[in-house]
């Protein structure tokens, strides 16, 4: 639209200039002594000046319009890029938040996990994979915070694996003893059935009864002995589980301020409402206080039930 307008104005300007030249030629005497462009009539000069102003105005208008169009295109490109990054970050960050909650749940259930199972032993892999995705799309400041959080979780996992090793060992001993108890219980049931059959035969055999009675006492004694051992293992395992839970809570308390900072940085990148550093510090202190109160309450309850000795309290 601008190009035809410019062509029309230029055509008018050239036509006016041509008229000026013709006017000058027509005004020349046969043998001019001194002539000048000022001999051209004022009407022609007015048309020339008007055409020049029109051409200049069109050029300036087109330049400004082109500049505005370029700026608008650059702005639209930035907005599209910002929207693309926002959508990508939203998907990655929401997935990472979900995996972080699963990671805490996995750490809390680590004493009951079967680490020989590839699926259960890889319980933290999704969390680390999500954190790696976050580091690809986040800002440098958030990248630093996430890296620190991942490093702390990795160190925490290694420490907790060392603490759950005795629990898993005791759990294996309990399974072995449970297997023997089941076997002796089956044997006791079989001997009782044979004793009943001997008594109901009408002609009981005393020698056979003595042998069955001896076998019954042996198997029952073995089952009772192993059952008592298993009960002691249960008590020891429960004590270790409680100690593990308290240690885990202490570790999570130390990670809480960093987790809040990471969460706030992510909310800032998603253009969500976020808190200042002072508010974050106060939030962390309040949550730490609540966790400490809950842990102390749990310790008092467990000590009252004699599940752990008072000396184990922090």
Protein backbone atom coordinates (compact mmCIF):
# COMPACT_ATOMS: atom_id res chain seq x y z
CA UNK A 1 0.00 0.00 0.00
CA UNK A 2 2.88 2.35 0.79
CA UNK A 3 4.81 1.59 -2.44
CA UNK A 4 2.03 2.69 -4.90
CA UNK A 5 1.55 5.87 -2.85
CA UNK A 6 5.27 6.60 -2.98
CA UNK A 7 5.32 5.98 -6.74
CA UNK A 8 2.43 8.40 -7.26
CA UNK A 9 4.12 11.12 -5.19
CA UNK A 10 7.42 10.62 -7.04
CA UNK A 11 5.57 10.80 -10.36
CA UNK A 12 4.00 14.10 -9.33
CA UNK A 13 7.37 15.41 -8.19
CA UNK A 14 9.04 14.42 -11.47
CA UNK A 15 6.19 15.91 -13.47
CA UNK A 16 6.56 19.18 -11.55
CA UNK A 17 10.30 19.18 -12.09
CA UNK A 18 9.74 18.58 -15.81
CA UNK A 19 7.31 21.48 -15.95
CA UNK A 20 9.89 23.68 -14.22
CA UNK A 21 12.48 22.78 -16.81
CA UNK A 22 10.07 23.46 -19.68
CA UNK A 23 9.07 26.75 -18.10
CA UNK A 24 12.70 27.78 -17.86
CA UNK A 25 13.35 26.88 -21.48
CA UNK A 26 10.28 28.77 -22.67
CA UNK A 27 11.37 31.84 -20.73
CA UNK A 28 14.83 31.97 -22.32
CA UNK A 29 15.40 34.88 -24.86
CA UNK A 30 16.96 34.07 -28.17
CA UNK A 31 20.32 35.30 -26.90
CA UNK A 32 20.13 35.40 -23.13
CA UNK A 33 22.57 37.60 -21.32
CA UNK A 34 22.01 36.34 -17.86
CA UNK A 35 19.18 34.07 -16.95
CA UNK A 36 18.30 32.27 -13.77
CA UNK A 37 15.97 29.65 -12.37
CA UNK A 38 14.29 32.47 -10.54
CA UNK A 39 12.66 33.47 -13.83
CA UNK A 40 10.33 30.47 -13.42
CA UNK A 41 6.86 31.40 -12.25
CA UNK A 42 5.86 31.12 -8.58
CA UNK A 43 3.18 28.57 -9.41
CA UNK A 44 5.76 26.11 -10.70
CA UNK A 45 7.97 26.72 -7.65
CA UNK A 46 5.03 26.12 -5.33
CA UNK A 47 4.20 22.84 -7.06
CA UNK A 48 7.84 21.77 -6.84
CA UNK A 49 8.12 22.55 -3.15
CA UNK A 50 4.81 20.87 -2.39
CA UNK A 51 5.90 17.74 -4.25
CA UNK A 52 9.25 17.73 -2.42
CA UNK A 53 7.53 18.02 0.95
CA UNK A 54 5.11 15.25 -0.01
CA UNK A 55 7.95 12.92 -1.04
CA UNK A 56 9.85 13.66 2.17
CA UNK A 57 6.72 13.06 4.26
CA UNK A 58 6.04 9.76 2.56
CA UNK A 59 9.63 8.62 3.05
CA UNK A 60 9.58 9.54 6.74
CA UNK A 61 6.18 7.93 7.22
CA UNK A 62 7.33 4.74 5.53
CA UNK A 63 10.51 4.64 7.61
CA UNK A 64 8.59 5.03 10.86
CA UNK A 65 6.02 2.45 9.77
CA UNK A 66 8.78 0.00 8.89
CA UNK A 67 10.46 0.63 12.23
CA UNK A 68 7.19 0.05 14.13
CA UNK A 69 6.54 -3.14 12.16
CA UNK A 70 10.04 -4.42 12.89
CA UNK A 71 9.68 -3.62 16.58
CA UNK A 72 6.27 -5.33 16.67
CA UNK A 73 7.66 -8.44 14.99
CA UNK A 74 10.58 -8.56 17.42
CA UNK A 75 8.19 -8.12 20.35
CA UNK A 76 5.92 -10.90 19.05
CA UNK A 77 8.93 -13.19 18.60
CA UNK A 78 10.05 -12.53 22.18
CA UNK A 79 6.54 -13.16 23.47
CA UNK A 80 6.27 -16.44 21.56
CA UNK A 81 9.66 -17.51 22.86
CA UNK A 82 8.64 -16.55 26.42
CA UNK A 83 5.37 -18.48 26.11
CA UNK A 84 7.19 -21.52 24.73
CA UNK A 85 9.68 -21.47 27.58
CA UNK A 86 6.90 -20.92 30.12
CA UNK A 87 4.90 -23.90 28.82
CA UNK A 88 8.01 -26.10 28.79
CA UNK A 89 9.06 -25.01 32.26
CA UNK A 90 5.56 -25.50 33.64
CA UNK A 91 5.47 -29.11 32.47
CA UNK A 92 8.98 -29.86 33.72
CA UNK A 93 8.56 -28.09 37.08
CA UNK A 94 5.23 -29.72 37.91
CA UNK A 95 6.70 -33.14 37.15
CA UNK A 96 9.74 -32.35 39.29
CA UNK A 97 7.54 -31.27 42.22
CA UNK A 98 5.66 -34.56 42.00
CA UNK A 99 8.87 -36.58 41.87
CA UNK A 100 10.28 -34.67 44.84
CA UNK A 101 7.28 -35.70 46.94
CA UNK A 102 7.72 -39.30 45.77
CA UNK A 103 11.40 -39.16 46.69
CA UNK A 104 10.58 -38.22 50.30
CA UNK A 105 8.03 -41.02 50.43
CA UNK A 106 10.59 -43.47 49.03
CA UNK A 107 13.18 -42.45 51.63
CA UNK A 108 10.64 -42.94 54.42
CA UNK A 109 9.80 -46.44 53.15
CA UNK A 110 13.42 -47.42 52.51
CA UNK A 111 13.61 -49.84 55.50
CA UNK A 112 10.77 -51.90 54.00
CA UNK A 113 12.09 -51.78 50.43
CA UNK A 114 13.62 -54.83 48.79
CA UNK A 115 16.85 -53.46 47.33
CA UNK A 116 17.41 -56.69 45.40
CA UNK A 117 14.40 -55.75 43.27
CA UNK A 118 15.54 -53.50 40.37
CA UNK A 119 12.26 -51.54 40.45
CA UNK A 120 12.40 -50.79 44.19
CA UNK A 121 16.12 -50.09 44.20
CA UNK A 122 15.64 -47.41 41.50
CA UNK A 123 13.10 -45.43 43.52
CA UNK A 124 15.12 -42.18 43.34
CA UNK A 125 15.99 -42.40 39.63
CA UNK A 126 12.87 -40.52 38.52
CA UNK A 127 13.65 -37.70 40.95
CA UNK A 128 17.20 -37.30 39.66
CA UNK A 129 15.95 -37.46 36.04
CA UNK A 130 13.37 -34.74 36.73
CA UNK A 131 16.03 -32.59 38.40
CA UNK A 132 18.23 -32.95 35.31
CA UNK A 133 15.34 -31.72 33.14
CA UNK A 134 14.84 -28.76 35.45
CA UNK A 135 18.50 -27.83 35.12
CA UNK A 136 18.13 -27.75 31.32
CA UNK A 137 15.34 -25.15 31.26
CA UNK A 138 15.82 -23.09 34.42
CA UNK A 139 17.65 -19.82 35.03
CA UNK A 140 21.26 -19.84 36.28
CA UNK A 141 20.24 -18.97 39.85
CA UNK A 142 17.67 -21.74 39.97
CA UNK A 143 20.20 -24.09 38.38
CA UNK A 144 22.60 -23.49 41.25
CA UNK A 145 19.90 -24.13 43.87
CA UNK A 146 18.66 -27.29 42.16
CA UNK A 147 22.22 -28.61 41.83
CA UNK A 148 22.77 -28.10 45.54
CA UNK A 149 19.47 -29.80 46.37
CA UNK A 150 20.25 -32.82 44.15
CA UNK A 151 23.70 -33.13 45.70
CA UNK A 152 22.22 -33.08 49.20
CA UNK A 153 19.62 -35.70 48.30
CA UNK A 154 22.31 -37.92 46.79
CA UNK A 155 24.41 -37.68 49.93
CA UNK A 156 21.32 -38.30 52.08
CA UNK A 157 20.45 -41.42 50.09
CA UNK A 158 23.93 -42.87 50.62
CA UNK A 159 23.79 -42.19 54.35
CA UNK A 160 20.35 -43.73 54.68
CA UNK A 161 21.37 -46.83 52.74
CA UNK A 162 24.03 -47.43 55.36
CA UNK A 163 21.46 -47.04 58.13
CA UNK A 164 18.91 -49.42 56.61
CA UNK A 165 21.45 -52.18 55.99
CA UNK A 166 21.12 -53.61 59.55
CA UNK A 167 17.33 -53.41 59.25
CA UNK A 168 17.36 -55.42 56.03
CA UNK A 169 19.71 -57.95 57.61
CA UNK A 170 17.33 -58.40 60.55
CA UNK A 171 14.40 -58.65 58.14
CA UNK A 172 16.15 -61.51 56.34
CA UNK A 173 16.75 -63.28 59.68
CA UNK A 174 13.06 -62.87 60.49
CA UNK A 175 12.08 -64.42 57.15
CA UNK A 176 14.39 -67.38 57.74
CA UNK A 177 12.98 -68.01 61.22
CA UNK A 178 9.43 -67.61 59.96
CA UNK A 179 10.12 -70.30 57.39
CA UNK A 180 11.43 -72.69 60.10
CA UNK A 181 8.49 -71.90 62.37
CA UNK A 182 6.08 -72.74 59.57
CA UNK A 183 7.91 -76.00 58.90
CA UNK A 184 7.90 -77.06 62.58
CA UNK A 185 4.24 -76.06 62.87
CA UNK A 186 3.34 -78.30 59.94
CA UNK A 187 5.29 -81.13 61.54
CA UNK A 188 3.51 -80.64 64.88
CA UNK A 189 0.14 -80.79 63.13
CA UNK A 190 1.16 -84.00 61.37
CA UNK A 191 2.29 -85.65 64.65
CA UNK A 192 -0.93 -84.64 66.40
CA UNK A 193 -2.91 -86.22 63.59
CA UNK A 194 -0.91 -89.47 63.96
CA UNK A 195 -1.43 -89.44 67.75
CA UNK A 196 -5.15 -88.99 67.27
CA UNK A 197 -5.23 -91.83 64.77
CA UNK A 198 -3.31 -94.08 67.19
CA UNK A 199 -5.76 -93.34 70.00
CA UNK A 200 -8.78 -93.86 67.78
CA UNK A 201 -7.54 -97.13 66.33
CA UNK A 202 -9.04 -99.11 69.22
CA UNK A 203 -5.71 -100.78 69.94
CA UNK A 204 -3.33 -97.91 70.84
CA UNK A 205 0.37 -98.70 70.66
CA UNK A 206 2.20 -97.28 73.74
CA UNK A 207 5.61 -97.45 72.10
CA UNK A 208 4.39 -95.60 69.05
CA UNK A 209 2.71 -93.06 71.30
CA UNK A 210 5.97 -92.44 73.17
CA UNK A 211 7.83 -91.90 69.91
CA UNK A 212 5.14 -89.53 68.66
CA UNK A 213 5.10 -87.70 71.99
CA UNK A 214 8.87 -87.25 71.86
CA UNK A 215 8.70 -85.98 68.27
CA UNK A 216 5.85 -83.64 69.22
CA UNK A 217 7.77 -82.13 72.12
CA UNK A 218 10.87 -81.67 70.00
CA UNK A 219 9.11 -79.93 67.12
CA UNK A 220 7.01 -77.82 69.46
CA UNK A 221 10.10 -76.84 71.44
CA UNK A 222 11.94 -75.86 68.29
CA UNK A 223 9.00 -73.80 67.07
CA UNK A 224 8.76 -72.04 70.44
CA UNK A 225 12.49 -71.32 70.60
CA UNK A 226 12.64 -69.93 67.09
CA UNK A 227 9.47 -67.93 67.71
CA UNK A 228 11.07 -66.28 70.75
CA UNK A 229 14.14 -65.45 68.66
CA UNK A 230 11.92 -63.97 66.00
CA UNK A 231 10.09 -61.85 68.58
CA UNK A 232 13.40 -60.43 69.76
CA UNK A 233 14.31 -59.67 66.16
CA UNK A 234 10.95 -57.94 65.71
CA UNK A 235 11.64 -55.75 68.74
CA UNK A 236 15.14 -54.92 67.51
CA UNK A 237 13.85 -54.16 64.03
CA UNK A 238 11.13 -51.87 65.38
CA UNK A 239 13.71 -50.00 67.45
CA UNK A 240 15.94 -49.54 64.39
CA UNK A 241 12.95 -48.38 62.33
CA UNK A 242 12.13 -45.75 64.92
CA UNK A 243 15.73 -44.59 65.04
CA UNK A 244 15.75 -44.43 61.24
CA UNK A 245 12.55 -42.36 61.20
CA UNK A 246 14.00 -39.87 63.68
CA UNK A 247 17.27 -39.60 61.73
CA UNK A 248 15.33 -39.10 58.50
CA UNK A 249 13.27 -36.34 60.06
CA UNK A 250 16.44 -34.58 61.23
CA UNK A 251 17.92 -34.84 57.75
CA UNK A 252 14.76 -33.46 56.14
CA UNK A 253 14.73 -30.59 58.62
CA UNK A 254 18.18 -29.58 57.41
CA UNK A 255 17.02 -29.74 53.77
CA UNK A 256 13.83 -27.77 54.37
CA UNK A 257 15.26 -24.21 53.96
CA UNK A 258 16.92 -25.14 50.67
CA UNK A 259 13.74 -26.80 49.40
CA UNK A 260 11.76 -23.65 50.17
CA UNK A 261 14.29 -21.51 48.28
CA UNK A 262 14.14 -23.83 45.26
CA UNK A 263 10.34 -23.78 45.32
CA UNK A 264 10.31 -19.98 45.50
CA UNK A 265 12.78 -19.69 42.60
CA UNK A 266 10.63 -21.98 40.47
CA UNK A 267 7.48 -20.00 41.30
CA UNK A 268 9.30 -16.82 40.27
CA UNK A 269 10.19 -18.33 36.88
CA UNK A 270 6.57 -19.38 36.35
CA UNK A 271 5.45 -15.79 37.08
CA UNK A 272 3.60 -16.94 40.17
CA UNK A 273 3.39 -15.10 43.45
CA UNK A 274 6.52 -15.67 45.52
CA UNK A 275 7.77 -14.52 48.89
CA UNK A 276 10.75 -12.43 49.94
CA UNK A 277 13.84 -13.88 51.61
CA UNK A 278 12.68 -12.66 54.99
CA UNK A 279 9.30 -14.37 54.63
CA UNK A 280 11.01 -17.53 53.39
CA UNK A 281 13.25 -17.58 56.44
CA UNK A 282 10.27 -17.16 58.74
CA UNK A 283 8.37 -19.92 56.93
CA UNK A 284 11.33 -22.28 57.27
CA UNK A 285 11.63 -21.52 61.00
CA UNK A 286 7.92 -22.16 61.54
CA UNK A 287 8.00 -25.47 59.69
CA UNK A 288 11.14 -26.54 61.52
CA UNK A 289 9.46 -25.73 64.83
CA UNK A 290 6.42 -27.82 63.90
CA UNK A 291 8.58 -30.74 62.82
CA UNK A 292 10.58 -30.55 66.05
CA UNK A 293 7.38 -30.51 68.12
CA UNK A 294 6.01 -33.53 66.27
CA UNK A 295 9.27 -35.42 66.63
CA UNK A 296 9.45 -34.71 70.38
CA UNK A 297 5.84 -35.85 70.78
CA UNK A 298 6.59 -39.05 68.92
CA UNK A 299 9.66 -39.69 71.07
CA UNK A 300 7.70 -39.23 74.29
CA UNK A 301 4.99 -41.58 73.05
CA UNK A 302 7.49 -44.24 72.01
CA UNK A 303 9.35 -43.97 75.31
CA UNK A 304 6.06 -44.37 77.15
CA UNK A 305 5.40 -47.56 75.18
CA UNK A 306 8.98 -48.73 75.94
CA UNK A 307 9.74 -49.19 72.27
CA UNK A 308 12.97 -47.26 72.63
CA UNK A 309 15.12 -46.53 75.66
CA UNK A 310 15.17 -42.98 77.07
CA UNK A 311 18.88 -42.72 76.28
CA UNK A 312 18.16 -42.65 72.55
CA UNK A 313 16.33 -39.36 72.83
CA UNK A 314 18.27 -36.44 71.35
